[in-house]
Amino acid sequence: MNAPPIMHFGTVTLLGRTNVGKSTFLNRALGEPLAITSPLPQTTRDALLGVASHGDAQIAFLDTPGLHRPRTELGKRMNSAAVDSVRSADVVVLMTDAWAHTP
């Protein structure tokens, strides 16, 4: 009797401020445009799941709303969705815009 193949699986949460490229990274990792990308901030309102498969491995990427100073209840909930997604992740990728801090 043959044993079933062993699958390797992990979850990665993409975390960072607004407009740092989390959704663009997700789309590139998946090889297809799953997440909406826009030059306008706060396009992603809820955590978005995309799964990349390579051979016997799968990576579940969670694209999160950008972290920001909330001014409304919606902003508080978006921050909460981003922070809550960290709890279920095996790896957290903290993304930043290095160009935004160049003198």
PDB file of N, CA and C in Angstrom:
ATOM      1  N   MET A   1       0.832  -1.182   0.000  1.00  0.00           N
ATOM      2  CA  MET A   1       0.000   0.000   0.000  1.00  0.00           C
ATOM      3  C   MET A   1       0.881   1.252   0.000  1.00  0.00           C
ATOM      4  N   ASN A   2       0.593   2.168  -0.888  1.00  0.00           N
ATOM      5  CA  ASN A   2       1.370   3.396  -0.975  1.00  0.00           C
ATOM      6  C   ASN A   2       0.792   4.447  -0.037  1.00  0.00           C
ATOM      7  N   ALA A   3       1.687   5.142   0.642  1.00  0.00           N
ATOM      8  CA  ALA A   3       1.261   6.233   1.521  1.00  0.00           C
ATOM      9  C   ALA A   3       0.923   7.449   0.659  1.00  0.00           C
ATOM     10  N   PRO A   4      -0.070   8.236   1.072  1.00  0.00           N
ATOM     11  CA  PRO A   4      -0.392   9.447   0.308  1.00  0.00           C
ATOM     12  C   PRO A   4       0.784  10.423   0.363  1.00  0.00           C
ATOM     13  N   PRO A   5       0.942  11.242  -0.655  1.00  0.00           N
ATOM     14  CA  PRO A   5       2.046  12.205  -0.651  1.00  0.00           C
ATOM     15  C   PRO A   5       1.890  13.199   0.500  1.00  0.00           C
ATOM     16  N   ILE A   6       3.001  13.623   1.035  1.00  0.00           N
ATOM     17  CA  ILE A   6       2.989  14.602   2.124  1.00  0.00           C
ATOM     18  C   ILE A   6       2.898  15.997   1.524  1.00  0.00           C
ATOM     19  N   MET A   7       1.912  16.753   1.966  1.00  0.00           N
ATOM     20  CA  MET A   7       1.745  18.133   1.518  1.00  0.00           C
ATOM     21  C   MET A   7       2.354  19.062   2.560  1.00  0.00           C
ATOM     22  N   HIS A   8       2.986  20.077   2.088  1.00  0.00           N
ATOM     23  CA  HIS A   8       3.539  21.107   2.961  1.00  0.00           C
ATOM     24  C   HIS A   8       2.670  22.344   2.796  1.00  0.00           C
ATOM     25  N   PHE A   9       2.280  22.939   3.908  1.00  0.00           N
ATOM     26  CA  PHE A   9       1.348  24.049   3.876  1.00  0.00           C
ATOM     27  C   PHE A   9       1.725  25.078   4.927  1.00  0.00           C
ATOM     28  N   GLY A  10       1.580  26.348   4.596  1.00  0.00           N
ATOM     29  CA  GLY A  10       1.834  27.413   5.558  1.00  0.00           C
ATOM     30  C   GLY A  10       1.016  28.641   5.225  1.00  0.00           C
ATOM     31  N   THR A  11       0.844  29.499   6.217  1.00  0.00           N
ATOM     32  CA  THR A  11       0.111  30.745   6.011  1.00  0.00           C
ATOM     33  C   THR A  11       1.034  31.934   6.227  1.00  0.00           C
ATOM     34  N   VAL A  12       0.893  32.925   5.370  1.00  0.00           N
ATOM     35  CA  VAL A  12       1.703  34.142   5.425  1.00  0.00           C
ATOM     36  C   VAL A  12       0.756  35.340   5.449  1.00  0.00           C
ATOM     37  N   THR A  13       0.884  36.178   6.458  1.00  0.00           N
ATOM     38  CA  THR A  13       0.101  37.412   6.528  1.00  0.00           C
ATOM     39  C   THR A  13       0.957  38.561   6.027  1.00  0.00           C
ATOM     40  N   LEU A  14       0.397  39.342   5.099  1.00  0.00           N
ATOM     41  CA  LEU A  14       1.058  40.539   4.578  1.00  0.00           C
ATOM     42  C   LEU A  14       0.536  41.727   5.369  1.00  0.00           C
ATOM     43  N   LEU A  15       1.411  42.374   6.109  1.00  0.00           N
ATOM     44  CA  LEU A  15       1.025  43.443   7.023  1.00  0.00           C
ATOM     45  C   LEU A  15       1.824  44.698   6.711  1.00  0.00           C
ATOM     46  N   GLY A  16       1.200  45.856   6.851  1.00  0.00           N
ATOM     47  CA  GLY A  16       1.911  47.114   6.631  1.00  0.00           C
ATOM     48  C   GLY A  16       0.934  48.271   6.526  1.00  0.00           C
ATOM     49  N   ARG A  17       1.488  49.457   6.357  1.00  0.00           N
ATOM     50  CA  ARG A  17       0.659  50.654   6.205  1.00  0.00           C
ATOM     51  C   ARG A  17      -0.055  50.612   4.858  1.00  0.00           C
ATOM     52  N   THR A  18      -0.882  51.585   4.613  1.00  0.00           N
ATOM     53  CA  THR A  18      -1.601  51.655   3.347  1.00  0.00           C
ATOM     54  C   THR A  18      -0.641  51.931   2.196  1.00  0.00           C
ATOM     55  N   ASN A  19      -0.971  51.391   1.031  1.00  0.00           N
ATOM     56  CA  ASN A  19      -0.247  51.641  -0.219  1.00  0.00           C
ATOM     57  C   ASN A  19       1.258  51.335  -0.162  1.00  0.00           C
ATOM     58  N   VAL A  20       1.618  50.220   0.482  1.00  0.00           N
ATOM     59  CA  VAL A  20       3.021  49.814   0.475  1.00  0.00           C
ATOM     60  C   VAL A  20       3.276  48.655  -0.484  1.00  0.00           C
ATOM     61  N   GLY A  21       2.219  48.146  -1.126  1.00  0.00           N
ATOM     62  CA  GLY A  21       2.400  47.102  -2.119  1.00  0.00           C
ATOM     63  C   GLY A  21       1.994  45.705  -1.688  1.00  0.00           C
ATOM     64  N   LYS A  22       1.203  45.589  -0.630  1.00  0.00           N
ATOM     65  CA  LYS A  22       0.777  44.264  -0.154  1.00  0.00           C
ATOM     66  C   LYS A  22      -0.053  43.544  -1.212  1.00  0.00           C
ATOM     67  N   SER A  23      -1.021  44.217  -1.796  1.00  0.00           N
ATOM     68  CA  SER A  23      -1.878  43.596  -2.813  1.00  0.00           C
ATOM     69  C   SER A  23      -1.099  43.305  -4.091  1.00  0.00           C
ATOM     70  N   THR A  24      -0.204  44.193  -4.471  1.00  0.00           N
ATOM     71  CA  THR A  24       0.639  43.959  -5.647  1.00  0.00           C
ATOM     72  C   THR A  24       1.520  42.737  -5.435  1.00  0.00           C
ATOM     73  N   PHE A  25       2.094  42.612  -4.238  1.00  0.00           N
ATOM     74  CA  PHE A  25       2.915  41.444  -3.911  1.00  0.00           C
ATOM     75  C   PHE A  25       2.087  40.167  -3.991  1.00  0.00           C
ATOM     76  N   LEU A  26       0.876  40.197  -3.437  1.00  0.00           N
ATOM     77  CA  LEU A  26       0.005  39.022  -3.476  1.00  0.00           C
ATOM     78  C   LEU A  26      -0.272  38.605  -4.919  1.00  0.00           C
ATOM     79  N   ASN A  27      -0.636  39.565  -5.750  1.00  0.00           N
ATOM     80  CA  ASN A  27      -0.917  39.259  -7.154  1.00  0.00           C
ATOM     81  C   ASN A  27       0.294  38.646  -7.850  1.00  0.00           C
ATOM     82  N   ARG A  28       1.480  39.156  -7.581  1.00  0.00           N
ATOM     83  CA  ARG A  28       2.698  38.610  -8.196  1.00  0.00           C
ATOM     84  C   ARG A  28       2.987  37.210  -7.673  1.00  0.00           C
ATOM     85  N   ALA A  29       2.790  36.989  -6.381  1.00  0.00           N
ATOM     86  CA  ALA A  29       3.045  35.664  -5.794  1.00  0.00           C
ATOM     87  C   ALA A  29       2.092  34.614  -6.356  1.00  0.00           C
ATOM     88  N   LEU A  30       0.863  35.023  -6.641  1.00  0.00           N
ATOM     89  CA  LEU A  30      -0.138  34.097  -7.174  1.00  0.00           C
ATOM     90  C   LEU A  30      -0.045  33.949  -8.687  1.00  0.00           C
ATOM     91  N   GLY A  31       0.543  34.937  -9.355  1.00  0.00           N
ATOM     92  CA  GLY A  31       0.622  34.906 -10.807  1.00  0.00           C
ATOM     93  C   GLY A  31      -0.672  35.292 -11.494  1.00  0.00           C
ATOM     94  N   GLU A  32      -1.575  35.912 -10.753  1.00  0.00           N
ATOM     95  CA  GLU A  32      -2.840  36.387 -11.321  1.00  0.00           C
ATOM     96  C   GLU A  32      -3.383  37.537 -10.471  1.00  0.00           C
ATOM     97  N   PRO A  33      -4.203  38.405 -11.077  1.00  0.00           N
ATOM     98  CA  PRO A  33      -4.703  39.576 -10.351  1.00  0.00           C
ATOM     99  C   PRO A  33      -5.909  39.263  -9.473  1.00  0.00           C
ATOM    100  N   LEU A  34      -5.671  38.763  -8.284  1.00  0.00           N
ATOM    101  CA  LEU A  34      -6.752  38.467  -7.340  1.00  0.00           C
ATOM    102  C   LEU A  34      -7.150  39.726  -6.555  1.00  0.00           C
ATOM    103  N   ALA A  35      -6.147  40.440  -6.055  1.00  0.00           N
ATOM    104  CA  ALA A  35      -6.399  41.618  -5.219  1.00  0.00           C
ATOM    105  C   ALA A  35      -6.513  42.870  -6.075  1.00  0.00           C
ATOM    106  N   ILE A  36      -7.398  43.762  -5.678  1.00  0.00           N
ATOM    107  CA  ILE A  36      -7.530  45.046  -6.351  1.00  0.00           C
ATOM    108  C   ILE A  36      -6.334  45.910  -5.974  1.00  0.00           C
ATOM    109  N   THR A  37      -5.723  46.544  -6.968  1.00  0.00           N
ATOM    110  CA  THR A  37      -4.641  47.486  -6.695  1.00  0.00           C
ATOM    111  C   THR A  37      -5.066  48.859  -7.207  1.00  0.00           C
ATOM    112  N   SER A  38      -4.688  49.889  -6.455  1.00  0.00           N
ATOM    113  CA  SER A  38      -5.092  51.243  -6.797  1.00  0.00           C
ATOM    114  C   SER A  38      -4.125  52.215  -6.139  1.00  0.00           C
ATOM    115  N   PRO A  39      -3.904  53.373  -6.772  1.00  0.00           N
ATOM    116  CA  PRO A  39      -3.083  54.392  -6.111  1.00  0.00           C
ATOM    117  C   PRO A  39      -3.803  55.043  -4.922  1.00  0.00           C
ATOM    118  N   LEU A  40      -5.111  54.802  -4.807  1.00  0.00           N
ATOM    119  CA  LEU A  40      -5.867  55.349  -3.684  1.00  0.00           C
ATOM    120  C   LEU A  40      -5.688  54.473  -2.454  1.00  0.00           C
ATOM    121  N   PRO A  41      -5.545  55.075  -1.269  1.00  0.00           N
ATOM    122  CA  PRO A  41      -5.381  54.279  -0.054  1.00  0.00           C
ATOM    123  C   PRO A  41      -6.669  53.556   0.344  1.00  0.00           C
ATOM    124  N   GLN A  42      -6.499  52.513   1.156  1.00  0.00           N
ATOM    125  CA  GLN A  42      -7.598  51.752   1.760  1.00  0.00           C
ATOM    126  C   GLN A  42      -8.482  51.050   0.735  1.00  0.00           C
ATOM    127  N   THR A  43      -7.879  50.493  -0.316  1.00  0.00           N
ATOM    128  CA  THR A  43      -8.643  49.734  -1.299  1.00  0.00           C
ATOM    129  C   THR A  43      -9.056  48.383  -0.725  1.00  0.00           C
ATOM    130  N   THR A  44      -8.163  47.737   0.029  1.00  0.00           N
ATOM    131  CA  THR A  44      -8.469  46.460   0.662  1.00  0.00           C
ATOM    132  C   THR A  44      -9.190  46.738   1.974  1.00  0.00           C
ATOM    133  N   ARG A  45     -10.429  46.291   2.084  1.00  0.00           N
ATOM    134  CA  ARG A  45     -11.231  46.570   3.281  1.00  0.00           C
ATOM    135  C   ARG A  45     -11.261  45.408   4.263  1.00  0.00           C
ATOM    136  N   ASP A  46     -11.121  44.179   3.754  1.00  0.00           N
ATOM    137  CA  ASP A  46     -11.111  42.972   4.586  1.00  0.00           C
ATOM    138  C   ASP A  46      -9.893  42.144   4.199  1.00  0.00           C
ATOM    139  N   ALA A  47      -9.494  41.232   5.088  1.00  0.00           N
ATOM    140  CA  ALA A  47      -8.399  40.321   4.753  1.00  0.00           C
ATOM    141  C   ALA A  47      -8.811  39.479   3.549  1.00  0.00           C
ATOM    142  N   LEU A  48      -7.894  39.291   2.616  1.00  0.00           N
ATOM    143  CA  LEU A  48      -8.142  38.577   1.376  1.00  0.00           C
ATOM    144  C   LEU A  48      -7.205  37.376   1.300  1.00  0.00           C
ATOM    145  N   LEU A  49      -7.750  36.196   1.015  1.00  0.00           N
ATOM    146  CA  LEU A  49      -6.964  34.964   0.979  1.00  0.00           C
ATOM    147  C   LEU A  49      -6.653  34.560  -0.456  1.00  0.00           C
ATOM    148  N   GLY A  50      -5.378  34.279  -0.704  1.00  0.00           N
ATOM    149  CA  GLY A  50      -4.943  33.744  -1.990  1.00  0.00           C
ATOM    150  C   GLY A  50      -3.992  32.595  -1.732  1.00  0.00           C
ATOM    151  N   VAL A  51      -4.125  31.506  -2.481  1.00  0.00           N
ATOM    152  CA  VAL A  51      -3.300  30.318  -2.257  1.00  0.00           C
ATOM    153  C   VAL A  51      -2.417  30.065  -3.470  1.00  0.00           C
ATOM    154  N   ALA A  52      -1.124  29.946  -3.232  1.00  0.00           N
ATOM    155  CA  ALA A  52      -0.159  29.614  -4.280  1.00  0.00           C
ATOM    156  C   ALA A  52       0.266  28.161  -4.085  1.00  0.00           C
ATOM    157  N   SER A  53       0.216  27.379  -5.162  1.00  0.00           N
ATOM    158  CA  SER A  53       0.616  25.966  -5.108  1.00  0.00           C
ATOM    159  C   SER A  53       1.855  25.756  -5.965  1.00  0.00           C
ATOM    160  N   HIS A  54       2.808  25.027  -5.412  1.00  0.00           N
ATOM    161  CA  HIS A  54       4.039  24.688  -6.114  1.00  0.00           C
ATOM    162  C   HIS A  54       4.402  23.257  -5.752  1.00  0.00           C
ATOM    163  N   GLY A  55       4.170  22.319  -6.671  1.00  0.00           N
ATOM    164  CA  GLY A  55       4.474  20.917  -6.392  1.00  0.00           C
ATOM    165  C   GLY A  55       3.656  20.406  -5.224  1.00  0.00           C
ATOM    166  N   ASP A  56       4.337  19.919  -4.193  1.00  0.00           N
ATOM    167  CA  ASP A  56       3.651  19.384  -3.017  1.00  0.00           C
ATOM    168  C   ASP A  56       3.518  20.420  -1.901  1.00  0.00           C
ATOM    169  N   ALA A  57       3.623  21.711  -2.254  1.00  0.00           N
ATOM    170  CA  ALA A  57       3.554  22.769  -1.239  1.00  0.00           C
ATOM    171  C   ALA A  57       2.486  23.794  -1.607  1.00  0.00           C
ATOM    172  N   GLN A  58       1.856  24.325  -0.568  1.00  0.00           N
ATOM    173  CA  GLN A  58       0.891  25.407  -0.742  1.00  0.00           C
ATOM    174  C   GLN A  58       1.181  26.488   0.288  1.00  0.00           C
ATOM    175  N   ILE A  59       1.068  27.728  -0.155  1.00  0.00           N
ATOM    176  CA  ILE A  59       1.212  28.872   0.745  1.00  0.00           C
ATOM    177  C   ILE A  59      -0.069  29.689   0.652  1.00  0.00           C
ATOM    178  N   ALA A  60      -0.709  29.889   1.790  1.00  0.00           N
ATOM    179  CA  ALA A  60      -1.908  30.728   1.857  1.00  0.00           C
ATOM    180  C   ALA A  60      -1.466  32.127   2.266  1.00  0.00           C
ATOM    181  N   PHE A  61      -1.656  33.093   1.369  1.00  0.00           N
ATOM    182  CA  PHE A  61      -1.306  34.485   1.642  1.00  0.00           C
ATOM    183  C   PHE A  61      -2.556  35.236   2.076  1.00  0.00           C
ATOM    184  N   LEU A  62      -2.445  35.984   3.174  1.00  0.00           N
ATOM    185  CA  LEU A  62      -3.529  36.843   3.646  1.00  0.00           C
ATOM    186  C   LEU A  62      -3.127  38.293   3.397  1.00  0.00           C
ATOM    187  N   ASP A  63      -3.803  38.938   2.458  1.00  0.00           N
ATOM    188  CA  ASP A  63      -3.596  40.356   2.192  1.00  0.00           C
ATOM    189  C   ASP A  63      -4.500  41.129   3.139  1.00  0.00           C
ATOM    190  N   THR A  64      -3.949  42.048   3.899  1.00  0.00           N
ATOM    191  CA  THR A  64      -4.715  42.743   4.933  1.00  0.00           C
ATOM    192  C   THR A  64      -4.921  44.214   4.590  1.00  0.00           C
ATOM    193  N   PRO A  65      -5.923  44.842   5.195  1.00  0.00           N
ATOM    194  CA  PRO A  65      -6.064  46.294   5.046  1.00  0.00           C
ATOM    195  C   PRO A  65      -4.827  46.991   5.624  1.00  0.00           C
ATOM    196  N   GLY A  66      -4.523  48.156   5.094  1.00  0.00           N
ATOM    197  CA  GLY A  66      -3.367  48.895   5.591  1.00  0.00           C
ATOM    198  C   GLY A  66      -3.587  49.438   6.989  1.00  0.00           C
ATOM    199  N   LEU A  67      -2.548  49.355   7.799  1.00  0.00           N
ATOM    200  CA  LEU A  67      -2.612  49.904   9.152  1.00  0.00           C
ATOM    201  C   LEU A  67      -2.510  51.426   9.071  1.00  0.00           C
ATOM    202  N   HIS A  68      -3.357  52.107   9.821  1.00  0.00           N
ATOM    203  CA  HIS A  68      -3.407  53.559   9.782  1.00  0.00           C
ATOM    204  C   HIS A  68      -4.016  54.084  11.077  1.00  0.00           C
ATOM    205  N   ARG A  69      -4.000  55.396  11.245  1.00  0.00           N
ATOM    206  CA  ARG A  69      -4.680  56.007  12.393  1.00  0.00           C
ATOM    207  C   ARG A  69      -6.157  56.128  12.047  1.00  0.00           C
ATOM    208  N   PRO A  70      -6.997  55.313  12.677  1.00  0.00           N
ATOM    209  CA  PRO A  70      -8.415  55.329  12.307  1.00  0.00           C
ATOM    210  C   PRO A  70      -9.123  56.592  12.791  1.00  0.00           C
ATOM    211  N   ARG A  71      -9.974  57.106  11.913  1.00  0.00           N
ATOM    212  CA  ARG A  71     -10.793  58.274  12.258  1.00  0.00           C
ATOM    213  C   ARG A  71     -12.267  57.908  12.353  1.00  0.00           C
ATOM    214  N   THR A  72     -12.600  56.706  11.888  1.00  0.00           N
ATOM    215  CA  THR A  72     -13.993  56.266  11.870  1.00  0.00           C
ATOM    216  C   THR A  72     -14.076  54.843  12.401  1.00  0.00           C
ATOM    217  N   GLU A  73     -15.288  54.375  12.599  1.00  0.00           N
ATOM    218  CA  GLU A  73     -15.506  52.991  13.027  1.00  0.00           C
ATOM    219  C   GLU A  73     -15.002  52.022  11.959  1.00  0.00           C
ATOM    220  N   LEU A  74     -15.207  52.373  10.687  1.00  0.00           N
ATOM    221  CA  LEU A  74     -14.705  51.532   9.605  1.00  0.00           C
ATOM    222  C   LEU A  74     -13.188  51.399   9.693  1.00  0.00           C
ATOM    223  N   GLY A  75     -12.501  52.491   9.934  1.00  0.00           N
ATOM    224  CA  GLY A  75     -11.048  52.461  10.079  1.00  0.00           C
ATOM    225  C   GLY A  75     -10.607  51.573  11.226  1.00  0.00           C
ATOM    226  N   LYS A  76     -11.317  51.633  12.352  1.00  0.00           N
ATOM    227  CA  LYS A  76     -10.994  50.770  13.499  1.00  0.00           C
ATOM    228  C   LYS A  76     -11.173  49.308  13.145  1.00  0.00           C
ATOM    229  N   ARG A  77     -12.238  48.997  12.435  1.00  0.00           N
ATOM    230  CA  ARG A  77     -12.504  47.602  12.048  1.00  0.00           C
ATOM    231  C   ARG A  77     -11.483  47.098  11.030  1.00  0.00           C
ATOM    232  N   MET A  78     -11.049  47.963  10.127  1.00  0.00           N
ATOM    233  CA  MET A  78     -10.037  47.565   9.155  1.00  0.00           C
ATOM    234  C   MET A  78      -8.714  47.268   9.848  1.00  0.00           C
ATOM    235  N   ASN A  79      -8.303  48.105  10.797  1.00  0.00           N
ATOM    236  CA  ASN A  79      -7.092  47.843  11.573  1.00  0.00           C
ATOM    237  C   ASN A  79      -7.219  46.541  12.349  1.00  0.00           C
ATOM    238  N   SER A  80      -8.392  46.320  12.931  1.00  0.00           N
ATOM    239  CA  SER A  80      -8.637  45.104  13.700  1.00  0.00           C
ATOM    240  C   SER A  80      -8.523  43.863  12.814  1.00  0.00           C
ATOM    241  N   ALA A  81      -9.055  43.931  11.587  1.00  0.00           N
ATOM    242  CA  ALA A  81      -8.959  42.797  10.655  1.00  0.00           C
ATOM    243  C   ALA A  81      -7.509  42.487  10.335  1.00  0.00           C
ATOM    244  N   ALA A  82      -6.697  43.528  10.162  1.00  0.00           N
ATOM    245  CA  ALA A  82      -5.276  43.326   9.858  1.00  0.00           C
ATOM    246  C   ALA A  82      -4.549  42.687  11.041  1.00  0.00           C
ATOM    247  N   VAL A  83      -4.755  43.215  12.221  1.00  0.00           N
ATOM    248  CA  VAL A  83      -4.070  42.698  13.413  1.00  0.00           C
ATOM    249  C   VAL A  83      -4.547  41.288  13.747  1.00  0.00           C
ATOM    250  N   ASP A  84      -5.831  41.015  13.622  1.00  0.00           N
ATOM    251  CA  ASP A  84      -6.368  39.686  13.922  1.00  0.00           C
ATOM    252  C   ASP A  84      -5.800  38.610  12.994  1.00  0.00           C
ATOM    253  N   SER A  85      -5.493  38.970  11.762  1.00  0.00           N
ATOM    254  CA  SER A  85      -4.975  37.977  10.812  1.00  0.00           C
ATOM    255  C   SER A  85      -3.588  37.481  11.204  1.00  0.00           C
ATOM    256  N   VAL A  86      -2.874  38.227  12.013  1.00  0.00           N
ATOM    257  CA  VAL A  86      -1.536  37.827  12.452  1.00  0.00           C
ATOM    258  C   VAL A  86      -1.609  36.582  13.341  1.00  0.00           C
ATOM    259  N   ARG A  87      -2.666  36.452  14.100  1.00  0.00           N
ATOM    260  CA  ARG A  87      -2.799  35.328  15.033  1.00  0.00           C
ATOM    261  C   ARG A  87      -2.819  33.974  14.339  1.00  0.00           C
ATOM    262  N   SER A  88      -3.335  33.919  13.121  1.00  0.00           N
ATOM    263  CA  SER A  88      -3.457  32.636  12.429  1.00  0.00           C
ATOM    264  C   SER A  88      -2.300  32.369  11.461  1.00  0.00           C
ATOM    265  N   ALA A  89      -1.322  33.243  11.419  1.00  0.00           N
ATOM    266  CA  ALA A  89      -0.241  33.118  10.445  1.00  0.00           C
ATOM    267  C   ALA A  89       0.941  32.330  10.993  1.00  0.00           C
ATOM    268  N   ASP A  90       1.599  31.598  10.084  1.00  0.00           N
ATOM    269  CA  ASP A  90       2.869  30.963  10.424  1.00  0.00           C
ATOM    270  C   ASP A  90       4.010  31.970  10.271  1.00  0.00           C
ATOM    271  N   VAL A  91       3.856  32.872   9.295  1.00  0.00           N
ATOM    272  CA  VAL A  91       4.863  33.894   9.006  1.00  0.00           C
ATOM    273  C   VAL A  91       4.151  35.222   8.784  1.00  0.00           C
ATOM    274  N   VAL A  92       4.725  36.298   9.294  1.00  0.00           N
ATOM    275  CA  VAL A  92       4.203  37.639   9.044  1.00  0.00           C
ATOM    276  C   VAL A  92       5.254  38.409   8.249  1.00  0.00           C
ATOM    277  N   VAL A  93       4.833  38.937   7.101  1.00  0.00           N
ATOM    278  CA  VAL A  93       5.716  39.769   6.286  1.00  0.00           C
ATOM    279  C   VAL A  93       5.301  41.211   6.516  1.00  0.00           C
ATOM    280  N   LEU A  94       6.185  41.980   7.152  1.00  0.00           N
ATOM    281  CA  LEU A  94       5.920  43.392   7.400  1.00  0.00           C
ATOM    282  C   LEU A  94       6.473  44.179   6.221  1.00  0.00           C
ATOM    283  N   MET A  95       5.585  44.767   5.451  1.00  0.00           N
ATOM    284  CA  MET A  95       5.986  45.504   4.259  1.00  0.00           C
ATOM    285  C   MET A  95       6.016  46.994   4.556  1.00  0.00           C
ATOM    286  N   THR A  96       6.986  47.662   3.954  1.00  0.00           N
ATOM    287  CA  THR A  96       7.107  49.107   4.109  1.00  0.00           C
ATOM    288  C   THR A  96       7.518  49.710   2.773  1.00  0.00           C
ATOM    289  N   ASP A  97       7.308  50.980   2.630  1.00  0.00           N
ATOM    290  CA  ASP A  97       7.712  51.716   1.436  1.00  0.00           C
ATOM    291  C   ASP A  97       9.002  52.441   1.764  1.00  0.00           C
ATOM    292  N   ALA A  98      10.119  51.862   1.359  1.00  0.00           N
ATOM    293  CA  ALA A  98      11.422  52.453   1.662  1.00  0.00           C
ATOM    294  C   ALA A  98      11.597  53.809   0.995  1.00  0.00           C
ATOM    295  N   TRP A  99      10.974  54.005  -0.173  1.00  0.00           N
ATOM    296  CA  TRP A  99      11.102  55.275  -0.888  1.00  0.00           C
ATOM    297  C   TRP A  99      10.409  56.410  -0.143  1.00  0.00           C
ATOM    298  N   ALA A 100       9.398  56.119   0.629  1.00  0.00           N
ATOM    299  CA  ALA A 100       8.643  57.152   1.340  1.00  0.00           C
ATOM    300  C   ALA A 100       9.496  57.805   2.430  1.00  0.00           C
ATOM    301  N   HIS A 101      10.562  57.149   2.871  1.00  0.00           N
ATOM    302  CA  HIS A 101      11.374  57.662   3.971  1.00  0.00           C
ATOM    303  C   HIS A 101      12.732  58.149   3.501  1.00  0.00           C
ATOM    304  N   THR A 102      12.910  58.289   2.199  1.00  0.00           N
ATOM    305  CA  THR A 102      14.180  58.774   1.666  1.00  0.00           C
ATOM    306  C   THR A 102      14.247  60.286   1.805  1.00  0.00           C
ATOM    307  N   PRO A 103      15.376  60.807   2.318  1.00  0.00           N
ATOM    308  CA  PRO A 103      15.473  62.278   2.498  1.00  0.00           C
ATOM    309  C   PRO A 103      15.513  63.019   1.181  1.00  0.00           C
TER     310      PRO A 103
END
